Amino acid sequence: MTLLGSRTTHVRADCWITGQLNNPTAGNQYNEIFANIVQFLSGPLCAAMGISLVASNYGRNGATGLGFWDQTTGSAGEGAWAVFRWNSSSYGPFDAMFMVVSGGNVTNNSTVPMNVYGFTTPFTNNSHGLVGVSFAATSTNADPWNGTGTFASGVIGNPVWKTDANGKLCVFPRQNAPGGTTVGGSSTTAAGSYATQRNYMMGLDGNVLNDTVPLRMHIIATPDSFTHLLDPGATTSYIVTHFGPWTPRLGLNTPDVQYFLVGSGMTSPFTNVPPLLWTALANTYGTTAASTGHEGGIAHPNAVSGSRAFGISVAASLPTTTYWNNLMSGSGAYDVLPLYFTMYDGDIGIMGTANEAQYVYGVPTHSVTPQSSSVVIGNSTPLSAKWVFPWAGPPPGSLPLSNRGNDT
């Protein structure tokens, strides 16, 4: 772990998912994704940043913990879930709920059928499982978790997330129905009309990598954010999920809740690859709750309106020769641009820029360099846009405290 300052601590886990093919009951690779996240967030590095376990449930079918499927004791079962709280974020505390589902119904010890990618019924045939996540924050820093606080057999509340004393709440992925005037449409429902149960979750695994093992997995945590990457390695597919703060542009009041969630990748159902350049509404996120693509949401400045759909754009078009010359020079002088948020669900305009996330052009492939304090995520096409996330520390594979799961 390398410290760049009091608010720029970044820790990472590098994991190697081994899983087990063609076993819809065990869903072993999904268990490993879940167990790696839980063990990493429960570990000393994240605890030092103020991240703590709020509640959890071991799941069904003989589950005795939140660990790996091939452990003799302490393994998580179907429907296991865990809720963590980022207590020390500069932008206000927030909760994150992770759930693993394999070979059984999504619901566990709750009357609420947790909705991961629209799945609320038992899996059949060759369905191996899902790993879902949802985030929630309030305007008063009150804990939005509405379930019990036990760890072995916690119970999910109904609704899953609750508003604060001011009746305000933001949940990600987007929970509320469209509100206000939308592009090409008209007013549909009142702003702030949250889904009744607030039980939608965004998939971390995409449900398309179910037979791909081994699978590389990387997690980056900061006091203010969470980033998750899955990379099959042998294919061109990848899935990246990021939840973190954003800064409002000049002239915009500081929002009640200052976070956004975005999921992007290069394989279905993540058809929203890194957004088209310099086009404000080229790709939108959070358009449909529990959909199989374009997932995410940005907190509305007034949290009573929850999280809304948004688009991502960069500042301006760059000539091809600009980043091609940077690539050929080998100087590392790549073009890094901010991510601008354009909200168009009810309130239209450029809201601000992402923190902890940028875009880069000219980087020949995905990479991580301690010298630049960053990690680049994207495909191997030299001129394609790629994600850039802050990182300080050694390259993947050399971090001694990383959790590698079942790296056999």
Protein backbone atom coordinates (compact mmCIF):
# COMPACT_ATOMS: atom_id res chain seq x y z
CA MET A 1 0.00 0.00 0.00
CA THR A 2 1.36 3.42 -0.97
CA LEU A 3 0.00 6.64 0.44
CA LEU A 4 -0.24 9.68 -1.85
CA GLY A 5 -1.91 11.82 0.79
CA SER A 6 -4.53 11.62 3.47
CA ARG A 7 -7.38 11.27 0.97
CA THR A 8 -5.70 9.33 -1.83
CA THR A 9 -5.20 5.92 -0.29
CA HIS A 10 -5.82 3.17 -2.84
CA VAL A 11 -5.62 -0.53 -2.04
CA ARG A 12 -6.03 -3.37 -4.52
CA ALA A 13 -6.73 -7.07 -4.52
CA ASP A 14 -5.59 -9.20 -7.46
CA CYS A 15 -7.49 -12.48 -7.67
CA TRP A 16 -7.43 -15.55 -9.90
CA ILE A 17 -10.86 -17.15 -10.19
CA THR A 18 -10.59 -20.90 -10.76
CA GLY A 19 -14.24 -21.88 -10.34
CA GLN A 20 -15.75 -25.07 -11.65
CA LEU A 21 -17.37 -25.55 -15.05
CA ASN A 22 -20.86 -26.86 -15.73
CA ASN A 23 -22.04 -26.92 -12.15
CA PRO A 24 -25.16 -24.75 -11.87
CA THR A 25 -25.75 -25.87 -8.27
CA ALA A 26 -22.39 -24.79 -6.97
CA GLY A 27 -21.89 -21.77 -9.22
CA ASN A 28 -18.33 -21.90 -7.96
CA GLN A 29 -16.77 -19.10 -9.94
CA TYR A 30 -19.51 -16.77 -8.74
CA ASN A 31 -18.86 -17.88 -5.19
CA GLU A 32 -15.18 -16.98 -5.64
CA ILE A 33 -16.00 -13.53 -7.02
CA PHE A 34 -18.23 -12.89 -4.02
CA ALA A 35 -15.81 -14.36 -1.46
CA ASN A 36 -12.87 -12.35 -2.82
CA ILE A 37 -14.83 -9.11 -2.51
CA VAL A 38 -16.03 -9.91 1.01
CA GLN A 39 -12.64 -11.01 2.30
CA PHE A 40 -10.86 -8.04 0.74
CA LEU A 41 -13.33 -5.47 2.12
CA SER A 42 -13.20 -7.21 5.53
CA GLY A 43 -9.40 -7.19 5.61
CA PRO A 44 -7.01 -4.87 7.45
CA LEU A 45 -6.24 -2.61 4.48
CA CYS A 46 -9.89 -1.66 3.96
CA ALA A 47 -10.62 -1.55 7.68
CA ALA A 48 -7.90 1.07 8.01
CA MET A 49 -9.83 3.22 5.53
CA GLY A 50 -13.03 3.01 7.57
CA ILE A 51 -14.81 0.28 5.59
CA SER A 52 -16.80 -2.09 7.84
CA LEU A 53 -19.20 -5.01 7.54
CA VAL A 54 -22.74 -3.96 8.54
CA ALA A 55 -24.74 -7.16 8.02
CA SER A 56 -24.55 -10.44 6.12
CA ASN A 57 -26.15 -13.80 5.54
CA TYR A 58 -24.25 -17.02 4.88
CA GLY A 59 -26.87 -18.30 2.45
CA ARG A 60 -28.48 -21.72 2.04
CA ASN A 61 -27.55 -25.38 1.56
CA GLY A 62 -25.22 -25.92 4.48
CA ALA A 63 -23.44 -22.56 4.29
CA THR A 64 -21.27 -21.80 7.31
CA GLY A 65 -19.60 -18.50 6.40
CA LEU A 66 -18.80 -16.06 3.60
CA GLY A 67 -15.79 -17.94 2.21
CA PHE A 68 -14.88 -20.13 -0.74
CA TRP A 69 -16.88 -23.12 -1.94
CA ASP A 70 -14.09 -25.69 -1.41
CA GLN A 71 -13.33 -24.72 2.18
CA THR A 72 -14.25 -27.41 4.68
CA THR A 73 -15.77 -24.76 6.94
CA GLY A 74 -16.86 -21.20 6.40
CA SER A 75 -18.11 -21.45 2.82
CA ALA A 76 -20.87 -19.19 1.51
CA GLY A 77 -24.01 -20.77 0.06
CA GLU A 78 -26.67 -19.85 -2.44
CA GLY A 79 -28.16 -16.44 -1.82
CA ALA A 80 -25.32 -15.27 0.45
CA TRP A 81 -25.03 -11.51 0.82
CA ALA A 82 -23.02 -8.91 2.70
CA VAL A 83 -23.49 -5.17 3.31
CA PHE A 84 -20.46 -2.92 3.82
CA ARG A 85 -20.36 0.73 4.87
CA TRP A 86 -17.76 3.27 3.78
CA ASN A 87 -17.71 5.29 7.00
CA SER A 88 -14.90 7.74 6.25
CA SER A 89 -15.65 9.06 2.77
CA SER A 90 -15.08 12.78 2.27
CA TYR A 91 -18.35 12.90 0.34
CA GLY A 92 -20.50 11.26 2.99
CA PRO A 93 -20.82 7.61 4.08
CA PHE A 94 -22.46 5.07 1.77
CA ASP A 95 -23.43 1.40 1.88
CA ALA A 96 -22.76 -1.35 -0.64
CA MET A 97 -24.59 -4.68 -0.76
CA PHE A 98 -23.10 -7.68 -2.58
CA MET A 99 -25.02 -10.92 -3.27
CA VAL A 100 -24.04 -14.22 -4.84
CA VAL A 101 -26.71 -16.37 -6.46
CA SER A 102 -26.13 -19.86 -7.84
CA GLY A 103 -28.55 -22.61 -8.68
CA GLY A 104 -31.39 -21.31 -6.53
CA ASN A 105 -33.79 -18.50 -5.90
CA VAL A 106 -32.38 -15.02 -5.54
CA THR A 107 -34.15 -14.37 -2.25
CA ASN A 108 -32.63 -15.47 1.02
CA ASN A 109 -34.15 -14.82 4.45
CA SER A 110 -36.25 -12.01 3.09
CA THR A 111 -39.67 -11.37 1.60
CA VAL A 112 -37.98 -9.22 -1.02
CA PRO A 113 -36.90 -11.04 -4.21
CA MET A 114 -33.56 -9.34 -4.87
CA ASN A 115 -33.54 -8.44 -8.53
CA VAL A 116 -30.15 -9.03 -10.18
CA TYR A 117 -30.33 -8.18 -13.87
CA GLY A 118 -34.05 -8.83 -13.79
CA PHE A 119 -33.67 -12.34 -12.33
CA THR A 120 -35.92 -13.06 -9.35
CA THR A 121 -36.72 -16.73 -9.99
CA PRO A 122 -34.68 -19.95 -9.60
CA PHE A 123 -31.99 -20.63 -12.17
CA THR A 124 -32.39 -23.61 -14.47
CA ASN A 125 -30.51 -25.51 -17.13
CA ASN A 126 -27.03 -24.10 -17.66
CA SER A 127 -27.45 -20.95 -15.60
CA HIS A 128 -24.52 -20.87 -13.22
CA GLY A 129 -25.23 -17.84 -11.12
CA LEU A 130 -24.88 -14.11 -10.71
CA VAL A 131 -23.08 -11.64 -8.50
CA GLY A 132 -24.98 -8.43 -7.88
CA VAL A 133 -24.23 -5.13 -6.17
CA SER A 134 -26.21 -2.08 -5.11
CA PHE A 135 -25.18 1.12 -3.36
CA ALA A 136 -27.15 3.59 -1.26
CA ALA A 137 -26.52 6.94 0.44
CA THR A 138 -28.63 9.56 2.20
CA SER A 139 -28.43 13.35 2.44
CA THR A 140 -27.84 13.36 6.21
CA ASN A 141 -25.24 10.56 6.33
CA ALA A 142 -27.80 8.35 8.07
CA ASP A 143 -27.32 4.64 7.40
CA PRO A 144 -29.76 3.65 4.62
CA TRP A 145 -29.62 -0.10 5.42
CA ASN A 146 -33.09 -1.27 6.41
CA GLY A 147 -32.34 -4.88 7.42
CA THR A 148 -31.03 -6.53 10.55
CA GLY A 149 -27.41 -6.16 11.59
CA THR A 150 -26.51 -9.78 12.26
CA PHE A 151 -23.73 -11.49 10.32
CA ALA A 152 -24.66 -15.18 10.04
CA SER A 153 -28.38 -14.84 9.34
CA GLY A 154 -29.16 -11.21 8.63
CA VAL A 155 -32.54 -10.38 7.11
CA ILE A 156 -33.09 -7.98 4.21
CA GLY A 157 -35.71 -5.35 4.96
CA ASN A 158 -38.63 -4.26 2.81
CA PRO A 159 -37.79 -1.84 1.33
CA VAL A 160 -34.14 -2.79 1.20
CA TRP A 161 -32.95 0.82 1.61
CA LYS A 162 -34.71 3.52 3.66
CA THR A 163 -34.85 7.28 3.36
CA ASP A 164 -33.38 9.59 6.01
CA ALA A 165 -35.27 11.95 8.31
CA ASN A 166 -35.67 14.38 5.38
CA GLY A 167 -37.22 11.70 3.18
CA LYS A 168 -34.15 11.66 0.92
CA LEU A 169 -32.24 8.71 -0.54
CA CYS A 170 -30.15 7.80 -3.57
CA VAL A 171 -29.87 4.16 -4.63
CA PHE A 172 -27.65 2.76 -7.39
CA PRO A 173 -28.38 1.21 -9.83
CA ARG A 174 -31.26 3.50 -10.49
CA GLN A 175 -34.42 2.55 -8.59
CA ASN A 176 -36.90 5.31 -9.42
CA ALA A 177 -39.00 5.52 -12.54
CA PRO A 178 -38.26 8.20 -15.16
CA GLY A 179 -39.24 11.64 -13.94
CA GLY A 180 -39.57 14.98 -15.66
CA THR A 181 -39.05 15.60 -19.34
CA THR A 182 -36.80 13.11 -21.11
CA VAL A 183 -35.06 13.47 -24.44
CA GLY A 184 -37.57 12.72 -27.20
CA GLY A 185 -40.35 12.16 -24.68
CA SER A 186 -42.58 13.84 -22.19
CA SER A 187 -43.21 13.82 -18.47
CA THR A 188 -44.04 10.32 -17.22
CA THR A 189 -44.02 10.11 -13.45
CA ALA A 190 -43.23 12.41 -10.57
CA ALA A 191 -39.58 12.89 -9.72
CA GLY A 192 -38.43 10.81 -6.81
CA SER A 193 -40.86 7.93 -7.32
CA TYR A 194 -38.61 5.17 -6.03
CA ALA A 195 -39.38 1.55 -6.77
CA THR A 196 -41.38 0.21 -3.84
CA GLN A 197 -38.95 -2.47 -2.67
CA ARG A 198 -35.69 -0.84 -3.85
CA ASN A 199 -34.36 -4.30 -4.58
CA TYR A 200 -32.57 -3.86 -7.91
CA MET A 201 -28.95 -4.92 -8.20
CA MET A 202 -26.38 -4.46 -10.94
CA GLY A 203 -24.50 -7.53 -12.12
CA LEU A 204 -20.76 -7.58 -11.55
CA ASP A 205 -20.17 -10.67 -13.66
CA GLY A 206 -22.41 -9.97 -16.64
CA ASN A 207 -23.89 -13.49 -16.73
CA VAL A 208 -21.96 -14.06 -19.95
CA LEU A 209 -18.67 -15.32 -18.54
CA ASN A 210 -20.26 -18.34 -16.87
CA ASP A 211 -18.01 -20.94 -18.48
CA THR A 212 -14.83 -18.90 -18.60
CA VAL A 213 -12.32 -20.02 -16.01
CA PRO A 214 -9.72 -19.19 -14.97
CA LEU A 215 -10.74 -15.57 -14.77
CA ARG A 216 -8.71 -12.57 -13.66
CA MET A 217 -10.30 -10.24 -11.15
CA HIS A 218 -9.08 -6.95 -9.71
CA ILE A 219 -10.60 -4.78 -6.98
CA ILE A 220 -9.60 -1.21 -6.09
CA ALA A 221 -10.94 0.40 -2.93
CA THR A 222 -10.45 3.92 -1.61
CA PRO A 223 -12.12 5.71 1.29
CA ASP A 224 -14.45 7.23 -1.32
CA SER A 225 -14.93 4.61 -4.04
CA PHE A 226 -15.09 0.99 -5.21
CA THR A 227 -13.87 -0.35 -8.57
CA HIS A 228 -14.25 -3.92 -9.82
CA LEU A 229 -12.83 -5.56 -12.96
CA LEU A 230 -13.31 -9.01 -14.47
CA ASP A 231 -11.11 -10.10 -17.35
CA PRO A 232 -11.28 -13.57 -18.96
CA GLY A 233 -7.87 -12.98 -20.47
CA ALA A 234 -8.27 -15.38 -23.38
CA THR A 235 -10.98 -13.26 -25.01
CA THR A 236 -11.52 -9.60 -25.80
CA SER A 237 -14.19 -9.33 -23.14
CA TYR A 238 -13.96 -7.40 -19.92
CA ILE A 239 -16.38 -5.89 -17.43
CA VAL A 240 -15.60 -2.88 -15.26
CA THR A 241 -17.83 -1.44 -12.55
CA HIS A 242 -17.09 1.79 -10.69
CA PHE A 243 -18.87 3.63 -7.87
CA GLY A 244 -17.43 6.90 -6.68
CA PRO A 245 -17.87 10.65 -6.17
CA TRP A 246 -18.30 13.43 -8.70
CA THR A 247 -17.63 17.17 -8.50
CA PRO A 248 -20.35 19.63 -9.60
CA ARG A 249 -19.36 22.24 -12.16
CA LEU A 250 -19.02 25.88 -11.18
CA GLY A 251 -22.40 27.46 -10.60
CA LEU A 252 -24.08 24.24 -9.56
CA ASN A 253 -25.01 23.79 -5.93
CA THR A 254 -23.29 20.97 -4.09
CA PRO A 255 -25.62 17.96 -4.38
CA ASP A 256 -27.15 16.25 -1.36
CA VAL A 257 -25.44 13.01 -2.40
CA GLN A 258 -22.33 13.20 -4.55
CA TYR A 259 -21.94 9.73 -6.11
CA PHE A 260 -22.42 7.91 -9.41
CA LEU A 261 -22.34 4.28 -10.54
CA VAL A 262 -21.32 3.10 -13.98
CA GLY A 263 -20.86 -0.34 -15.54
CA SER A 264 -19.13 -0.82 -18.85
CA GLY A 265 -17.54 -3.59 -20.82
CA MET A 266 -16.93 -5.26 -24.14
CA THR A 267 -19.41 -8.08 -24.16
CA SER A 268 -23.15 -8.57 -23.94
CA PRO A 269 -25.10 -7.62 -21.89
CA PHE A 270 -22.62 -4.81 -21.33
CA THR A 271 -23.13 -3.41 -24.82
CA ASN A 272 -22.32 0.08 -23.56
CA VAL A 273 -18.63 0.01 -24.35
CA PRO A 274 -16.61 3.10 -23.41
CA PRO A 275 -18.95 5.88 -24.55
CA LEU A 276 -18.64 7.45 -27.97
CA LEU A 277 -16.32 10.42 -27.95
CA TRP A 278 -17.43 14.02 -27.43
CA THR A 279 -21.11 13.20 -27.79
CA ALA A 280 -23.00 14.09 -24.65
CA LEU A 281 -25.87 11.64 -25.13
CA ALA A 282 -23.99 8.92 -27.00
CA ASN A 283 -24.35 6.43 -24.17
CA THR A 284 -26.64 6.67 -21.19
CA TYR A 285 -26.54 4.91 -17.86
CA GLY A 286 -29.32 4.15 -15.43
CA THR A 287 -32.03 4.25 -18.05
CA THR A 288 -33.87 1.17 -16.81
CA ALA A 289 -33.77 -0.37 -13.38
CA ALA A 290 -32.47 -3.96 -13.34
CA SER A 291 -31.84 -3.95 -17.07
CA THR A 292 -29.09 -6.00 -18.70
CA GLY A 293 -27.18 -3.02 -20.05
CA HIS A 294 -26.58 0.69 -19.57
CA GLU A 295 -26.64 0.19 -15.83
CA GLY A 296 -25.81 2.76 -13.21
CA GLY A 297 -27.06 6.15 -12.13
CA ILE A 298 -25.95 9.55 -10.90
CA ALA A 299 -27.24 11.16 -7.74
CA HIS A 300 -29.62 13.99 -8.46
CA PRO A 301 -28.52 17.24 -6.72
CA ASN A 302 -31.76 17.06 -4.75
CA ALA A 303 -31.68 13.55 -3.28
CA VAL A 304 -35.46 13.37 -3.03
CA SER A 305 -35.26 12.65 -6.77
CA GLY A 306 -32.94 9.69 -6.21
CA SER A 307 -30.48 8.65 -8.88
CA ARG A 308 -31.04 9.55 -12.51
CA ALA A 309 -30.00 8.56 -16.00
CA PHE A 310 -26.90 10.29 -17.32
CA GLY A 311 -24.53 10.37 -20.25
CA ILE A 312 -20.75 10.63 -20.38
CA SER A 313 -18.77 12.83 -22.75
CA VAL A 314 -15.27 14.24 -23.03
CA ALA A 315 -14.36 17.85 -23.56
CA ALA A 316 -13.71 17.94 -27.30
CA SER A 317 -12.65 15.94 -30.32
CA LEU A 318 -8.96 15.23 -30.68
CA PRO A 319 -7.26 14.80 -34.07
CA THR A 320 -6.19 11.23 -34.69
CA THR A 321 -2.59 12.32 -35.17
CA THR A 322 -2.49 13.75 -31.64
CA TYR A 323 -2.74 10.51 -29.79
CA TRP A 324 -1.12 8.51 -32.57
CA ASN A 325 2.01 10.64 -32.24
CA ASN A 326 1.95 10.16 -28.49
CA LEU A 327 1.73 6.43 -29.01
CA MET A 328 4.66 6.36 -31.44
CA SER A 329 6.87 8.65 -29.38
CA GLY A 330 6.86 6.28 -26.45
CA SER A 331 7.09 9.27 -24.14
CA GLY A 332 3.99 8.33 -22.18
CA ALA A 333 2.51 11.78 -22.85
CA TYR A 334 -0.94 10.37 -23.43
CA ASP A 335 -4.09 12.44 -23.64
CA VAL A 336 -6.04 12.08 -20.41
CA LEU A 337 -9.46 13.73 -20.37
CA PRO A 338 -12.09 14.22 -17.69
CA LEU A 339 -15.44 12.46 -17.76
CA TYR A 340 -18.28 14.97 -17.99
CA PHE A 341 -21.73 13.99 -16.79
CA THR A 342 -24.72 15.10 -18.82
CA MET A 343 -28.03 14.60 -17.08
CA TYR A 344 -31.12 14.60 -19.22
CA ASP A 345 -33.71 12.87 -17.06
CA GLY A 346 -35.87 15.73 -15.82
CA ASP A 347 -33.00 18.20 -15.48
CA ILE A 348 -30.92 18.72 -18.59
CA GLY A 349 -27.36 19.96 -18.51
CA ILE A 350 -23.72 19.24 -17.75
CA MET A 351 -23.64 18.40 -14.08
CA GLY A 352 -19.91 18.05 -13.42
CA THR A 353 -16.99 15.66 -13.69
CA ALA A 354 -16.12 12.29 -12.21
CA ASN A 355 -13.60 11.93 -9.43
CA GLU A 356 -11.35 8.84 -9.32
CA ALA A 357 -12.04 8.14 -13.03
CA GLN A 358 -10.91 9.58 -16.37
CA TYR A 359 -10.46 8.63 -20.02
CA VAL A 360 -7.20 8.22 -21.93
CA TYR A 361 -6.27 8.00 -25.61
CA GLY A 362 -3.08 6.70 -27.16
CA VAL A 363 -2.29 4.04 -24.60
CA PRO A 364 -1.58 0.93 -26.70
CA THR A 365 -3.22 -1.51 -24.29
CA HIS A 366 -4.40 -1.97 -20.73
CA SER A 367 -1.64 -1.31 -18.24
CA VAL A 368 -0.73 -0.33 -14.73
CA THR A 369 2.30 1.77 -13.91
CA PRO A 370 3.48 2.90 -10.48
CA GLN A 371 5.22 5.84 -12.16
CA SER A 372 1.93 7.31 -13.40
CA SER A 373 -0.07 6.27 -10.32
CA SER A 374 -2.82 4.91 -12.53
CA VAL A 375 -4.35 1.79 -13.97
CA VAL A 376 -5.69 1.70 -17.54
CA ILE A 377 -8.60 -0.60 -18.39
CA GLY A 378 -9.77 -1.26 -21.94
CA ASN A 379 -9.18 -3.25 -25.10
CA SER A 380 -5.88 -3.63 -26.95
CA THR A 381 -6.76 -1.30 -29.84
CA PRO A 382 -4.20 1.52 -29.58
CA LEU A 383 -6.52 4.37 -30.52
CA SER A 384 -9.52 3.30 -28.46
CA ALA A 385 -10.72 5.20 -25.42
CA LYS A 386 -9.86 3.52 -22.13
CA TRP A 387 -10.75 3.96 -18.49
CA VAL A 388 -8.12 5.40 -16.13
CA PHE A 389 -8.39 4.91 -12.38
CA PRO A 390 -5.95 6.17 -9.74
CA TRP A 391 -3.62 3.59 -8.32
CA ALA A 392 -0.43 3.79 -6.29
CA GLY A 393 1.67 0.70 -5.72
CA PRO A 394 3.35 -2.20 -7.48
CA PRO A 395 2.02 -3.81 -10.68
CA PRO A 396 -0.53 -6.67 -10.53
CA GLY A 397 0.95 -9.94 -9.43
CA SER A 398 3.51 -8.44 -7.07
CA LEU A 399 1.35 -7.07 -4.27
CA PRO A 400 2.19 -9.26 -1.25
CA LEU A 401 -1.03 -8.56 0.62
CA SER A 402 -3.38 -9.16 -2.29
CA ASN A 403 -6.09 -11.76 -1.87
CA ARG A 404 -5.82 -14.35 -4.61
CA GLY A 405 -8.75 -16.51 -3.63
CA ASN A 406 -8.39 -20.07 -4.91
CA ASP A 407 -5.28 -19.50 -6.97
CA THR A 408 -4.47 -23.14 -7.66
